[in-house]
Protein backbone atom coordinates (compact mmCIF):
# COMPACT_ATOMS: atom_id res chain seq x y z
CA MET A 1 73.86 74.46 -44.27
CA LEU A 2 76.26 74.70 -41.41
CA SER A 3 75.54 76.30 -38.08
CA ASN A 4 76.96 79.10 -36.04
CA HIS A 5 78.79 76.22 -34.32
CA SER A 6 81.06 75.97 -37.38
CA ILE A 7 83.09 78.92 -36.08
CA GLY A 8 82.78 78.36 -32.35
CA ALA A 9 81.38 76.07 -29.70
CA PRO A 10 79.17 78.15 -27.41
CA THR A 11 77.30 75.09 -26.12
CA LYS A 12 78.67 72.21 -24.04
CA GLY A 13 77.90 68.60 -24.85
CA ILE A 14 77.74 68.78 -28.63
CA SER A 15 81.34 68.15 -29.64
CA LEU A 16 80.46 65.70 -32.43
CA TYR A 17 77.99 68.19 -33.90
CA VAL A 18 80.59 70.98 -33.75
CA ALA A 19 83.26 68.74 -35.32
CA THR A 20 80.92 67.92 -38.20
CA LYS A 21 80.12 71.58 -38.80
CA HIS A 22 83.84 72.46 -38.79
CA ALA A 23 84.46 69.71 -41.37
CA VAL A 24 81.72 70.99 -43.67
CA LEU A 25 83.04 74.54 -43.38
CA GLY A 26 86.54 73.33 -44.28
CA MET A 27 85.17 71.50 -47.30
CA ALA A 28 83.21 74.59 -48.44
CA GLU A 29 86.28 76.81 -48.05
CA ALA A 30 88.36 74.30 -50.04
CA PHE A 31 85.70 74.19 -52.78
CA ARG A 32 85.71 77.97 -52.91
CA THR A 33 89.49 77.99 -53.27
CA GLU A 34 89.56 75.22 -55.87
CA TYR A 35 86.43 76.02 -57.89
CA GLY A 36 85.60 79.62 -56.99
CA ASP A 37 85.88 80.84 -60.56
CA ALA A 38 83.67 78.05 -61.91
CA ILE A 39 80.93 77.79 -59.26
CA GLY A 40 79.57 79.89 -56.46
CA VAL A 41 79.92 78.59 -52.92
CA SER A 42 77.95 79.91 -49.96
CA VAL A 43 77.57 78.62 -46.42
CA LEU A 44 74.55 79.23 -44.25
CA CYS A 45 75.44 79.62 -40.59
CA PRO A 46 72.09 79.80 -38.81
CA GLY A 47 71.39 80.31 -35.18
CA ILE A 48 68.00 79.24 -33.88
CA VAL A 49 65.42 78.67 -36.63
CA SER A 50 61.83 77.75 -35.83
CA THR A 51 61.71 74.18 -37.16
CA ASN A 52 60.77 70.74 -35.88
CA LEU A 53 64.41 69.66 -35.74
CA TRP A 54 64.06 68.98 -32.03
CA ASP A 55 61.30 66.45 -32.77
CA SER A 56 63.38 64.40 -35.21
CA GLY A 57 64.34 61.84 -32.56
CA ARG A 58 60.83 60.44 -32.34
CA THR A 59 61.06 59.10 -35.92
CA ARG A 60 64.69 57.92 -35.81
CA PRO A 61 65.00 54.52 -37.57
CA GLU A 62 65.97 51.48 -35.50
CA GLU A 63 69.15 50.93 -37.52
CA PHE A 64 70.38 54.33 -36.26
CA GLY A 65 69.57 53.74 -32.60
CA GLY A 66 65.82 54.08 -32.63
CA HIS A 67 63.45 56.53 -31.00
CA TYR A 68 64.67 59.00 -28.40
CA ARG A 69 63.16 62.00 -26.69
CA VAL A 70 64.82 65.39 -26.51
CA ASP A 71 64.43 68.16 -23.99
CA GLN A 72 60.97 69.55 -24.70
CA ALA A 73 61.97 72.96 -23.35
CA ALA A 74 64.70 73.21 -26.00
CA GLY A 75 62.21 72.39 -28.73
CA ASN A 76 59.73 74.96 -27.44
CA HIS A 77 62.55 77.52 -27.24
CA SER A 78 63.41 76.88 -30.89
CA ARG A 79 59.82 77.17 -32.07
CA THR A 80 59.04 80.33 -30.11
CA LEU A 81 62.32 82.24 -30.39
CA GLY A 82 63.73 81.01 -33.69
CA LEU A 83 63.57 82.86 -36.96
CA SER A 84 60.97 81.66 -39.42
CA PRO A 85 62.25 79.22 -42.07
CA ARG A 86 60.74 81.45 -44.78
CA TYR A 87 62.72 84.45 -43.51
CA VAL A 88 65.94 82.40 -43.40
CA GLY A 89 65.22 81.05 -46.88
CA GLN A 90 64.99 84.58 -48.24
CA MET A 91 68.28 85.42 -46.52
CA VAL A 92 69.85 82.47 -48.35
CA VAL A 93 68.49 83.57 -51.73
CA ASP A 94 69.67 87.14 -51.11
CA GLY A 95 73.13 85.97 -49.98
CA ILE A 96 73.62 83.68 -52.96
CA GLN A 97 72.48 86.38 -55.38
CA ALA A 98 74.93 88.81 -53.76
CA GLY A 99 77.75 86.26 -54.13
CA ASP A 100 78.29 86.03 -50.37
CA PHE A 101 80.31 83.12 -49.04
CA TRP A 102 79.04 83.59 -45.47
CA ILE A 103 75.29 83.87 -44.80
CA TRP A 104 74.56 84.63 -41.13
CA THR A 105 71.10 84.63 -39.57
CA HIS A 106 72.06 86.06 -36.20
CA PRO A 107 74.34 89.12 -35.99
CA GLN A 108 75.37 88.30 -32.41
CA ASP A 109 77.55 85.54 -33.90
CA ILE A 110 80.07 88.29 -34.45
CA ASP A 111 81.05 87.70 -30.81
CA LEU A 112 82.11 84.11 -31.63
CA ILE A 113 84.00 85.28 -34.70
CA GLU A 114 85.79 88.06 -32.84
CA LYS A 115 86.68 85.76 -29.92
CA ARG A 116 88.26 83.22 -32.24
CA TYR A 117 90.11 85.93 -34.17
CA ARG A 118 91.40 87.64 -30.99
CA GLU A 119 92.62 84.35 -29.49
CA SER A 120 94.38 83.45 -32.74
CA VAL A 121 96.10 86.81 -33.15
CA GLU A 122 97.12 86.96 -29.48
CA SER A 123 98.66 83.49 -29.58
CA ILE A 124 100.64 84.23 -32.77
CA LYS A 125 101.94 87.51 -31.33
CA ARG A 126 102.90 85.76 -28.08
CA GLN A 127 104.57 82.81 -29.82
CA TRP A 128 106.26 84.88 -32.54
CA PRO A 129 106.76 88.39 -31.06
CA ASN A 130 109.23 89.33 -33.82
CA GLY A 131 107.07 88.03 -36.66
CA PRO A 132 108.18 85.54 -39.33
CA THR A 133 111.74 84.21 -39.22
CA GLU A 134 113.96 83.09 -42.10
CA VAL A 135 112.47 79.59 -41.74
CA HIS A 136 108.99 80.99 -42.31
CA LYS A 137 110.11 83.01 -45.32
CA SER A 138 111.18 79.84 -47.09
CA THR A 139 107.75 78.25 -46.56
CA PRO A 140 105.21 78.99 -49.29
CA THR A 141 102.14 80.79 -47.96
CA GLU A 142 100.10 81.13 -51.12
CA VAL A 143 97.67 78.54 -52.39
CA ARG A 144 98.78 77.15 -55.71
């Protein structure tokens, strides 16, 4: 499971979380490239799901920093506005059965995807207005 943070960072203050999610996405994409014919690979990118994740700090072992308390409002927000775990679980089953790589729980994540895509395309067009040069043509672009 990833997070919608694997394709964007809409929340401040969670850079380590976002970095971890990006790393897992990269690994899943590499697995799909390397083993796609032998195994199926899917990634779940959930938004808010109604779980007790926000309460996990109260049982954190001492060797990992011990107990801490999170913002109770955030936990309440997750439990009241999040999708049910059962609903998300069925989405996962359906996505895997359909052979989907991406499994999204919240369609508004399209905004993050489109923002990242637009910024990428605009920067390439600005940096390389005439497209690939001879140097680029000698660089392999296909995965071997």
